[in-house]
Amino acid sequence: MRDFTLELPDHVEKYIGENDLYLEVFEGGNLSKAAESRPPLLFVHGAFTGSWMWSKYIPHFAREGWKCYVMNLRSHYKSRLMDMTKITFEDYLGDIREIIKEVVAECGAAPILIGFSMGGILGQKLAETVELAGLVLIDSVISQEVHEIVPYEHLEPLTTAIVMPAPVREEQSSIDESAEDIAFQRKYLAMESSKAYNAFAFSDESRGISVDSSAISCPCLVIKAVSCDDDDRRGRVTAAQLRAEYKELWNTTHTGVLIGQRYMESVTAIMGWLKRF
């Protein structure tokens, strides 16, 4: 199996705050004077994952001179293990705030937050009250407001498990993921907090996280993995509410946009959008 974490460029590793949040910092190479004035990038992973999930992305941004902070929420990947039965969505918001304070202290500037899946809905909620230079959502969990406009046809009951077990990837490949890509995820996927997961899930008992889009003023980009018209509509409604640019990636999968064979389409879209900074 090819482990993409072993191909990352040299970087600094540190632990932040009382919960020992594992943070990887990539300085970026060949910085020009213009690049030195860019805001830093803060990458926020999704449920069940960690900073390892960005392993294909980071080398491209570092090569282009972007300073990249790649964080891990509490009890994820190499952050200190904690009692997952007690961790909440609000705890994760607190973790990101803690890392943003570290980023601002080091760089003197608010970051552009790039959030995947759960990291995307966390980023949206945080952007209501925290200064960000920009917000990029990669196949983000949708908000309550978007769900009201384009609801999911089938709702699952909230999990009653004390923790969510790691997803089982039994398939050998997908439409945009090779056997190697899936084997890489199998190695690292881990359990998730049920309390945090239930907070953003859509079911008969829950309608997800409400986001006040009028309170979000930073530039935004929405990238959506699309397999049907409703997926595309959810992406477009999210973009409209955030006054964001929109990029749909047809025939891609949720994890494929980060770790699959077509991941560069997402990277290219973000790079193009970042030219404004």
C-alpha atoms as a PDB file:
ATOM      1  CA  MET A   1       0.000   0.000   0.000  1.00  0.00           C
ATOM      2  CA  ARG A   2       1.213   3.482  -0.832  1.00  0.00           C
ATOM      3  CA  ASP A   3       1.143   5.681   2.286  1.00  0.00           C
ATOM      4  CA  PHE A   4       0.824   9.271   1.069  1.00  0.00           C
ATOM      5  CA  THR A   5       1.737  10.694   4.498  1.00  0.00           C
ATOM      6  CA  LEU A   6       5.288   9.452   3.898  1.00  0.00           C
ATOM      7  CA  GLU A   7       5.563  11.632   0.794  1.00  0.00           C
ATOM      8  CA  LEU A   8       4.823  14.935   2.518  1.00  0.00           C
ATOM      9  CA  PRO A   9       7.516  17.628   2.392  1.00  0.00           C
ATOM     10  CA  ASP A  10       9.512  18.506   5.497  1.00  0.00           C
ATOM     11  CA  HIS A  11       7.404  20.327   8.065  1.00  0.00           C
ATOM     12  CA  VAL A  12       7.039  21.283  11.713  1.00  0.00           C
ATOM     13  CA  GLU A  13       4.893  19.177  14.046  1.00  0.00           C
ATOM     14  CA  LYS A  14       3.563  20.558  17.318  1.00  0.00           C
ATOM     15  CA  TYR A  15       0.862  20.034  19.951  1.00  0.00           C
ATOM     16  CA  ILE A  16      -1.424  22.932  20.799  1.00  0.00           C
ATOM     17  CA  GLY A  17      -3.448  23.705  23.931  1.00  0.00           C
ATOM     18  CA  GLU A  18      -4.636  21.662  26.864  1.00  0.00           C
ATOM     19  CA  ASN A  19      -6.082  18.981  24.564  1.00  0.00           C
ATOM     20  CA  ASP A  20      -2.773  18.460  22.722  1.00  0.00           C
ATOM     21  CA  LEU A  21      -4.163  19.139  19.265  1.00  0.00           C
ATOM     22  CA  TYR A  22      -1.722  17.794  16.699  1.00  0.00           C
ATOM     23  CA  LEU A  23      -0.785  20.476  14.167  1.00  0.00           C
ATOM     24  CA  GLU A  24       1.400  20.154  11.084  1.00  0.00           C
ATOM     25  CA  VAL A  25       2.898  23.335   9.624  1.00  0.00           C
ATOM     26  CA  PHE A  26       4.255  23.502   6.066  1.00  0.00           C
ATOM     27  CA  GLU A  27       6.194  26.681   5.347  1.00  0.00           C
ATOM     28  CA  GLY A  28       5.893  26.730   1.574  1.00  0.00           C
ATOM     29  CA  GLY A  29       8.840  27.041  -0.779  1.00  0.00           C
ATOM     30  CA  ASN A  30      10.256  29.725  -3.072  1.00  0.00           C
ATOM     31  CA  LEU A  31       8.390  32.557  -1.391  1.00  0.00           C
ATOM     32  CA  SER A  32       8.286  35.768  -3.381  1.00  0.00           C
ATOM     33  CA  LYS A  33       7.561  39.146  -1.765  1.00  0.00           C
ATOM     34  CA  ALA A  34       3.980  38.854  -2.990  1.00  0.00           C
ATOM     35  CA  ALA A  35       3.622  35.387  -1.492  1.00  0.00           C
ATOM     36  CA  GLU A  36       4.832  36.610   1.902  1.00  0.00           C
ATOM     37  CA  SER A  37       1.742  38.812   2.181  1.00  0.00           C
ATOM     38  CA  ARG A  38      -0.692  35.975   1.529  1.00  0.00           C
ATOM     39  CA  PRO A  39      -2.902  34.767   4.369  1.00  0.00           C
ATOM     40  CA  PRO A  40      -2.050  31.311   5.704  1.00  0.00           C
ATOM     41  CA  LEU A  41      -4.201  28.291   4.872  1.00  0.00           C
ATOM     42  CA  LEU A  42      -5.865  26.256   7.632  1.00  0.00           C
ATOM     43  CA  PHE A  43      -7.022  22.767   6.632  1.00  0.00           C
ATOM     44  CA  VAL A  44      -9.809  21.195   8.727  1.00  0.00           C
ATOM     45  CA  HIS A  45     -10.553  17.504   8.221  1.00  0.00           C
ATOM     46  CA  GLY A  46     -13.872  15.667   8.299  1.00  0.00           C
ATOM     47  CA  ALA A  47     -15.388  13.038  10.586  1.00  0.00           C
ATOM     48  CA  PHE A  48     -13.454   9.792  11.117  1.00  0.00           C
ATOM     49  CA  THR A  49     -10.308  11.288   9.567  1.00  0.00           C
ATOM     50  CA  GLY A  50      -7.410  13.619  10.349  1.00  0.00           C
ATOM     51  CA  SER A  51      -4.651  15.644   8.761  1.00  0.00           C
ATOM     52  CA  TRP A  52      -3.545  12.516   6.869  1.00  0.00           C
ATOM     53  CA  MET A  53      -6.567  12.953   4.587  1.00  0.00           C
ATOM     54  CA  TRP A  54      -4.924  16.072   3.056  1.00  0.00           C
ATOM     55  CA  SER A  55      -1.723  14.240   2.079  1.00  0.00           C
ATOM     56  CA  LYS A  56      -2.284  14.561  -1.674  1.00  0.00           C
ATOM     57  CA  TYR A  57      -3.251  18.258  -1.439  1.00  0.00           C
ATOM     58  CA  ILE A  58      -0.560  19.764   0.766  1.00  0.00           C
ATOM     59  CA  PRO A  59       2.508  19.350  -1.503  1.00  0.00           C
ATOM     60  CA  HIS A  60       0.817  21.382  -4.257  1.00  0.00           C
ATOM     61  CA  PHE A  61      -0.017  24.338  -2.008  1.00  0.00           C
ATOM     62  CA  ALA A  62       3.378  24.272  -0.284  1.00  0.00           C
ATOM     63  CA  ARG A  63       5.138  24.316  -3.672  1.00  0.00           C
ATOM     64  CA  GLU A  64       3.136  27.399  -4.631  1.00  0.00           C
ATOM     65  CA  GLY A  65       4.379  29.212  -1.538  1.00  0.00           C
ATOM     66  CA  TRP A  66       1.328  28.943   0.701  1.00  0.00           C
ATOM     67  CA  LYS A  67       1.963  28.478   4.408  1.00  0.00           C
ATOM     68  CA  CYS A  68      -0.254  25.554   5.391  1.00  0.00           C
ATOM     69  CA  TYR A  69      -1.529  24.694   8.849  1.00  0.00           C
ATOM     70  CA  VAL A  70      -3.069  21.220   8.890  1.00  0.00           C
ATOM     71  CA  MET A  71      -4.888  20.570  12.158  1.00  0.00           C
ATOM     72  CA  ASN A  72      -6.410  17.630  13.978  1.00  0.00           C
ATOM     73  CA  LEU A  73      -9.466  17.909  16.191  1.00  0.00           C
ATOM     74  CA  ARG A  74      -9.283  16.458  19.688  1.00  0.00           C
ATOM     75  CA  SER A  75      -8.863  12.678  19.796  1.00  0.00           C
ATOM     76  CA  HIS A  76      -8.215  12.496  16.030  1.00  0.00           C
ATOM     77  CA  TYR A  77      -5.117  11.001  14.378  1.00  0.00           C
ATOM     78  CA  LYS A  78      -2.124  12.050  16.525  1.00  0.00           C
ATOM     79  CA  SER A  79      -3.980  14.413  18.857  1.00  0.00           C
ATOM     80  CA  ARG A  80      -4.218  13.158  22.438  1.00  0.00           C
ATOM     81  CA  LEU A  81      -6.806  10.402  22.823  1.00  0.00           C
ATOM     82  CA  MET A  82      -9.829  11.502  24.847  1.00  0.00           C
ATOM     83  CA  ASP A  83     -13.226  10.104  25.834  1.00  0.00           C
ATOM     84  CA  MET A  84     -15.115  10.149  22.520  1.00  0.00           C
ATOM     85  CA  THR A  85     -18.444   9.582  24.301  1.00  0.00           C
ATOM     86  CA  LYS A  86     -18.276  13.115  25.728  1.00  0.00           C
ATOM     87  CA  ILE A  87     -16.988  15.122  22.760  1.00  0.00           C
ATOM     88  CA  THR A  88     -19.487  17.541  21.170  1.00  0.00           C
ATOM     89  CA  PHE A  89     -19.752  19.620  17.999  1.00  0.00           C
ATOM     90  CA  GLU A  90     -19.109  22.699  20.163  1.00  0.00           C
ATOM     91  CA  ASP A  91     -15.883  21.114  21.424  1.00  0.00           C
ATOM     92  CA  TYR A  92     -14.673  20.865  17.836  1.00  0.00           C
ATOM     93  CA  LEU A  93     -15.527  24.530  17.257  1.00  0.00           C
ATOM     94  CA  GLY A  94     -13.407  25.333  20.301  1.00  0.00           C
ATOM     95  CA  ASP A  95     -10.510  23.314  18.891  1.00  0.00           C
ATOM     96  CA  ILE A  96     -10.538  25.299  15.640  1.00  0.00           C
ATOM     97  CA  ARG A  97     -10.671  28.576  17.566  1.00  0.00           C
ATOM     98  CA  GLU A  98      -7.610  27.428  19.529  1.00  0.00           C
ATOM     99  CA  ILE A  99      -5.676  26.697  16.344  1.00  0.00           C
ATOM    100  CA  ILE A 100      -6.745  29.980  14.725  1.00  0.00           C
ATOM    101  CA  LYS A 101      -5.317  31.848  17.729  1.00  0.00           C
ATOM    102  CA  GLU A 102      -2.031  30.017  17.176  1.00  0.00           C
ATOM    103  CA  VAL A 103      -2.058  30.831  13.450  1.00  0.00           C
ATOM    104  CA  VAL A 104      -2.805  34.523  14.022  1.00  0.00           C
ATOM    105  CA  ALA A 105      -0.115  34.749  16.715  1.00  0.00           C
ATOM    106  CA  GLU A 106       2.480  33.296  14.318  1.00  0.00           C
ATOM    107  CA  CYS A 107       1.412  34.992  11.085  1.00  0.00           C
ATOM    108  CA  GLY A 108      -0.308  38.163  12.224  1.00  0.00           C
ATOM    109  CA  ALA A 109      -3.197  37.410   9.864  1.00  0.00           C
ATOM    110  CA  ALA A 110      -6.452  35.481   9.858  1.00  0.00           C
ATOM    111  CA  PRO A 111      -6.316  32.267   7.821  1.00  0.00           C
ATOM    112  CA  ILE A 112      -8.272  30.996   4.860  1.00  0.00           C
ATOM    113  CA  LEU A 113     -10.101  27.983   6.272  1.00  0.00           C
ATOM    114  CA  ILE A 114     -10.392  24.975   3.949  1.00  0.00           C
ATOM    115  CA  GLY A 115     -12.859  22.467   5.373  1.00  0.00           C
ATOM    116  CA  PHE A 116     -13.848  19.022   4.155  1.00  0.00           C
ATOM    117  CA  SER A 117     -17.200  17.384   5.032  1.00  0.00           C
ATOM    118  CA  MET A 118     -17.698  17.890   8.790  1.00  0.00           C
ATOM    119  CA  GLY A 119     -14.837  20.384   8.632  1.00  0.00           C
ATOM    120  CA  GLY A 120     -16.940  22.371   6.168  1.00  0.00           C
ATOM    121  CA  ILE A 121     -19.971  22.749   8.433  1.00  0.00           C
ATOM    122  CA  LEU A 122     -17.646  23.538  11.344  1.00  0.00           C
ATOM    123  CA  GLY A 123     -16.037  26.212   9.184  1.00  0.00           C
ATOM    124  CA  GLN A 124     -19.394  27.726   8.242  1.00  0.00           C
ATOM    125  CA  LYS A 125     -20.543  27.896  11.854  1.00  0.00           C
ATOM    126  CA  LEU A 126     -17.235  29.361  12.972  1.00  0.00           C
ATOM    127  CA  ALA A 127     -17.259  32.009  10.228  1.00  0.00           C
ATOM    128  CA  GLU A 128     -20.386  33.534  11.777  1.00  0.00           C
ATOM    129  CA  THR A 129     -18.318  34.942  14.649  1.00  0.00           C
ATOM    130  CA  VAL A 130     -14.599  34.453  13.875  1.00  0.00           C
ATOM    131  CA  GLU A 131     -12.615  36.530  11.391  1.00  0.00           C
ATOM    132  CA  LEU A 132     -11.432  34.494   8.414  1.00  0.00           C
ATOM    133  CA  ALA A 133      -9.654  35.716   5.288  1.00  0.00           C
ATOM    134  CA  GLY A 134     -11.643  33.210   3.258  1.00  0.00           C
ATOM    135  CA  LEU A 135     -13.626  29.985   3.444  1.00  0.00           C
ATOM    136  CA  VAL A 136     -13.372  26.977   1.104  1.00  0.00           C
ATOM    137  CA  LEU A 137     -15.899  24.151   1.480  1.00  0.00           C
ATOM    138  CA  ILE A 138     -15.034  20.789  -0.066  1.00  0.00           C
ATOM    139  CA  ASP A 139     -18.109  18.546  -0.232  1.00  0.00           C
ATOM    140  CA  SER A 140     -19.217  20.077   3.040  1.00  0.00           C
ATOM    141  CA  VAL A 141     -21.996  18.810   5.257  1.00  0.00           C
ATOM    142  CA  ILE A 142     -24.912  21.071   4.325  1.00  0.00           C
ATOM    143  CA  SER A 143     -26.631  23.477   6.706  1.00  0.00           C
ATOM    144  CA  GLN A 144     -30.152  23.232   8.047  1.00  0.00           C
ATOM    145  CA  GLU A 145     -31.136  26.068   5.732  1.00  0.00           C
ATOM    146  CA  VAL A 146     -29.889  24.269   2.616  1.00  0.00           C
ATOM    147  CA  HIS A 147     -31.644  21.065   3.679  1.00  0.00           C
ATOM    148  CA  GLU A 148     -34.934  22.930   3.942  1.00  0.00           C
ATOM    149  CA  ILE A 149     -34.619  23.901   0.267  1.00  0.00           C
ATOM    150  CA  VAL A 150     -33.172  20.624  -1.081  1.00  0.00           C
ATOM    151  CA  PRO A 151     -34.004  17.928   1.509  1.00  0.00           C
ATOM    152  CA  TYR A 152     -32.556  14.455   1.446  1.00  0.00           C
ATOM    153  CA  GLU A 153     -35.118  11.943   0.225  1.00  0.00           C
ATOM    154  CA  HIS A 154     -34.227   9.342   2.843  1.00  0.00           C
ATOM    155  CA  LEU A 155     -33.444  10.205   6.463  1.00  0.00           C
ATOM    156  CA  GLU A 156     -31.559   7.854   8.736  1.00  0.00           C
ATOM    157  CA  PRO A 157     -32.290   7.574  12.484  1.00  0.00           C
ATOM    158  CA  LEU A 158     -29.776   9.199  14.802  1.00  0.00           C
ATOM    159  CA  THR A 159     -27.142   6.783  15.985  1.00  0.00           C
ATOM    160  CA  THR A 160     -27.618   5.434  19.494  1.00  0.00           C
ATOM    161  CA  ALA A 161     -24.077   4.027  19.658  1.00  0.00           C
ATOM    162  CA  ILE A 162     -21.814   5.569  22.274  1.00  0.00           C
ATOM    163  CA  VAL A 163     -19.276   6.209  19.502  1.00  0.00           C
ATOM    164  CA  MET A 164     -19.441   5.933  15.724  1.00  0.00           C
ATOM    165  CA  PRO A 165     -17.183   3.123  14.466  1.00  0.00           C
ATOM    166  CA  ALA A 166     -14.802   3.784  11.596  1.00  0.00           C
ATOM    167  CA  PRO A 167     -16.418   3.436   8.139  1.00  0.00           C
ATOM    168  CA  VAL A 168     -15.838   0.059   6.516  1.00  0.00           C
ATOM    169  CA  ARG A 169     -14.355   0.367   3.038  1.00  0.00           C
ATOM    170  CA  GLU A 170     -14.862  -3.170   1.754  1.00  0.00           C
ATOM    171  CA  GLU A 171     -14.968  -2.230  -1.925  1.00  0.00           C
ATOM    172  CA  GLN A 172     -11.750  -2.521  -3.886  1.00  0.00           C
ATOM    173  CA  SER A 173     -12.264   0.654  -5.924  1.00  0.00           C
ATOM    174  CA  SER A 174     -14.819   3.327  -6.794  1.00  0.00           C
ATOM    175  CA  ILE A 175     -15.552   5.524  -9.794  1.00  0.00           C
ATOM    176  CA  ASP A 176     -12.722   7.871  -8.802  1.00  0.00           C
ATOM    177  CA  GLU A 177     -10.689   5.946  -6.207  1.00  0.00           C
ATOM    178  CA  SER A 178      -8.152   3.223  -6.922  1.00  0.00           C
ATOM    179  CA  ALA A 179      -7.605   0.171  -4.736  1.00  0.00           C
ATOM    180  CA  GLU A 180      -4.510   1.964  -3.422  1.00  0.00           C
ATOM    181  CA  ASP A 181      -6.541   5.048  -2.458  1.00  0.00           C
ATOM    182  CA  ILE A 182      -9.046   2.942  -0.532  1.00  0.00           C
ATOM    183  CA  ALA A 183      -6.335   0.875   1.170  1.00  0.00           C
ATOM    184  CA  PHE A 184      -4.746   4.140   2.369  1.00  0.00           C
ATOM    185  CA  GLN A 185      -8.034   5.201   3.955  1.00  0.00           C
ATOM    186  CA  ARG A 186      -8.571   1.782   5.558  1.00  0.00           C
ATOM    187  CA  LYS A 187      -5.241   2.199   7.347  1.00  0.00           C
ATOM    188  CA  TYR A 188      -6.191   5.474   9.032  1.00  0.00           C
ATOM    189  CA  LEU A 189      -9.993   5.778   9.307  1.00  0.00           C
ATOM    190  CA  ALA A 190     -10.983   5.844  12.998  1.00  0.00           C
ATOM    191  CA  MET A 191     -14.022   6.199  15.233  1.00  0.00           C
ATOM    192  CA  GLU A 192     -15.981   9.427  15.643  1.00  0.00           C
ATOM    193  CA  SER A 193     -17.974  11.104  18.412  1.00  0.00           C
ATOM    194  CA  SER A 194     -21.670  10.186  18.220  1.00  0.00           C
ATOM    195  CA  LYS A 195     -22.671  13.444  19.910  1.00  0.00           C
ATOM    196  CA  ALA A 196     -20.791  15.522  17.360  1.00  0.00           C
ATOM    197  CA  TYR A 197     -22.022  13.424  14.437  1.00  0.00           C
ATOM    198  CA  ASN A 198     -25.671  13.540  15.524  1.00  0.00           C
ATOM    199  CA  ALA A 199     -25.478  17.338  15.764  1.00  0.00           C
ATOM    200  CA  PHE A 200     -25.022  17.776  12.014  1.00  0.00           C
ATOM    201  CA  ALA A 201     -26.919  14.678  10.853  1.00  0.00           C
ATOM    202  CA  PHE A 202     -30.330  14.833   9.176  1.00  0.00           C
ATOM    203  CA  SER A 203     -33.009  12.568  10.623  1.00  0.00           C
ATOM    204  CA  ASP A 204     -36.560  12.636  11.936  1.00  0.00           C
ATOM    205  CA  GLU A 205     -35.108  13.863  15.239  1.00  0.00           C
ATOM    206  CA  SER A 206     -32.558  16.353  13.897  1.00  0.00           C
ATOM    207  CA  ARG A 207     -32.371  18.897  11.100  1.00  0.00           C
ATOM    208  CA  GLY A 208     -28.654  19.590  11.214  1.00  0.00           C
ATOM    209  CA  ILE A 209     -26.705  22.755  12.037  1.00  0.00           C
ATOM    210  CA  SER A 210     -28.246  26.150  11.378  1.00  0.00           C
ATOM    211  CA  VAL A 211     -25.922  28.658   9.701  1.00  0.00           C
ATOM    212  CA  ASP A 212     -26.582  32.414   9.581  1.00  0.00           C
ATOM    213  CA  SER A 213     -25.084  33.083   6.169  1.00  0.00           C
ATOM    214  CA  SER A 214     -25.748  36.822   6.536  1.00  0.00           C
ATOM    215  CA  ALA A 215     -23.113  36.875   9.296  1.00  0.00           C
ATOM    216  CA  ILE A 216     -20.414  35.422   7.002  1.00  0.00           C
ATOM    217  CA  SER A 217     -18.629  38.189   5.109  1.00  0.00           C
ATOM    218  CA  CYS A 218     -15.396  36.574   3.887  1.00  0.00           C
ATOM    219  CA  PRO A 219     -14.946  35.378   0.278  1.00  0.00           C
ATOM    220  CA  CYS A 220     -16.099  31.773  -0.146  1.00  0.00           C
ATOM    221  CA  LEU A 221     -15.666  28.899  -2.573  1.00  0.00           C
ATOM    222  CA  VAL A 222     -17.935  25.827  -2.629  1.00  0.00           C
ATOM    223  CA  ILE A 223     -16.698  22.612  -4.265  1.00  0.00           C
ATOM    224  CA  LYS A 224     -19.238  19.816  -4.530  1.00  0.00           C
ATOM    225  CA  ALA A 225     -18.885  16.117  -5.406  1.00  0.00           C
ATOM    226  CA  VAL A 226     -21.903  15.517  -7.626  1.00  0.00           C
ATOM    227  CA  SER A 227     -23.568  12.250  -8.601  1.00  0.00           C
ATOM    228  CA  CYS A 228     -27.128  13.510  -9.187  1.00  0.00           C
ATOM    229  CA  ASP A 229     -29.082  16.710  -9.798  1.00  0.00           C
ATOM    230  CA  ASP A 230     -29.975  17.071  -6.109  1.00  0.00           C
ATOM    231  CA  ASP A 231     -26.280  17.005  -5.162  1.00  0.00           C
ATOM    232  CA  ASP A 232     -25.680  19.824  -7.625  1.00  0.00           C
ATOM    233  CA  ARG A 233     -28.662  21.799  -6.310  1.00  0.00           C
ATOM    234  CA  ARG A 234     -27.395  21.498  -2.730  1.00  0.00           C
ATOM    235  CA  GLY A 235     -24.017  22.794  -3.824  1.00  0.00           C
ATOM    236  CA  ARG A 236     -25.528  25.675  -5.752  1.00  0.00           C
ATOM    237  CA  VAL A 237     -27.866  26.665  -2.902  1.00  0.00           C
ATOM    238  CA  THR A 238     -24.946  26.583  -0.440  1.00  0.00           C
ATOM    239  CA  ALA A 239     -22.934  28.814  -2.777  1.00  0.00           C
ATOM    240  CA  ALA A 240     -25.855  31.207  -3.271  1.00  0.00           C
ATOM    241  CA  GLN A 241     -26.396  31.575   0.467  1.00  0.00           C
ATOM    242  CA  LEU A 242     -22.704  32.258   1.077  1.00  0.00           C
ATOM    243  CA  ARG A 243     -22.386  34.480  -2.020  1.00  0.00           C
ATOM    244  CA  ALA A 244     -19.650  32.071  -3.062  1.00  0.00           C
ATOM    245  CA  GLU A 245     -18.058  30.865  -6.251  1.00  0.00           C
ATOM    246  CA  TYR A 246     -19.157  27.345  -7.131  1.00  0.00           C
ATOM    247  CA  LYS A 247     -17.422  24.365  -8.709  1.00  0.00           C
ATOM    248  CA  GLU A 248     -19.280  21.098  -9.279  1.00  0.00           C
ATOM    249  CA  LEU A 249     -17.316  17.889  -9.878  1.00  0.00           C
ATOM    250  CA  TRP A 250     -19.610  15.410 -11.598  1.00  0.00           C
ATOM    251  CA  ASN A 251     -19.103  11.680 -11.111  1.00  0.00           C
ATOM    252  CA  THR A 252     -16.813  12.051  -8.132  1.00  0.00           C
ATOM    253  CA  THR A 253     -17.235  10.626  -4.631  1.00  0.00           C
ATOM    254  CA  HIS A 254     -17.193  12.229  -1.200  1.00  0.00           C
ATOM    255  CA  THR A 255     -13.744  10.940  -0.262  1.00  0.00           C
ATOM    256  CA  GLY A 256     -12.540  10.814  -3.855  1.00  0.00           C
ATOM    257  CA  VAL A 257     -12.392  14.612  -4.121  1.00  0.00           C
ATOM    258  CA  LEU A 258      -9.692  14.535  -1.437  1.00  0.00           C
ATOM    259  CA  ILE A 259      -7.822  11.282  -1.954  1.00  0.00           C
ATOM    260  CA  GLY A 260      -9.026   9.897  -5.301  1.00  0.00           C
ATOM    261  CA  GLN A 261      -7.678   9.869  -8.830  1.00  0.00           C
ATOM    262  CA  ARG A 262      -9.315  13.190  -9.737  1.00  0.00           C
ATOM    263  CA  TYR A 263      -8.272  15.127  -6.641  1.00  0.00           C
ATOM    264  CA  MET A 264      -6.311  17.595  -8.785  1.00  0.00           C
ATOM    265  CA  GLU A 265      -9.554  18.988 -10.195  1.00  0.00           C
ATOM    266  CA  SER A 266     -10.409  20.234  -6.720  1.00  0.00           C
ATOM    267  CA  VAL A 267      -6.860  21.462  -6.075  1.00  0.00           C
ATOM    268  CA  THR A 268      -6.892  23.364  -9.390  1.00  0.00           C
ATOM    269  CA  ALA A 269     -10.229  24.999  -8.547  1.00  0.00           C
ATOM    270  CA  ILE A 270      -8.902  26.158  -5.180  1.00  0.00           C
ATOM    271  CA  MET A 271      -5.636  27.412  -6.702  1.00  0.00           C
ATOM    272  CA  GLY A 272      -7.554  29.446  -9.244  1.00  0.00           C
ATOM    273  CA  TRP A 273      -9.781  30.961  -6.563  1.00  0.00           C
ATOM    274  CA  LEU A 274      -6.759  31.775  -4.358  1.00  0.00           C
ATOM    275  CA  LYS A 275      -5.316  34.043  -7.041  1.00  0.00           C
ATOM    276  CA  ARG A 276      -7.451  36.849  -5.637  1.00  0.00           C
ATOM    277  CA  PHE A 277      -5.295  36.948  -2.490  1.00  0.00           C
END
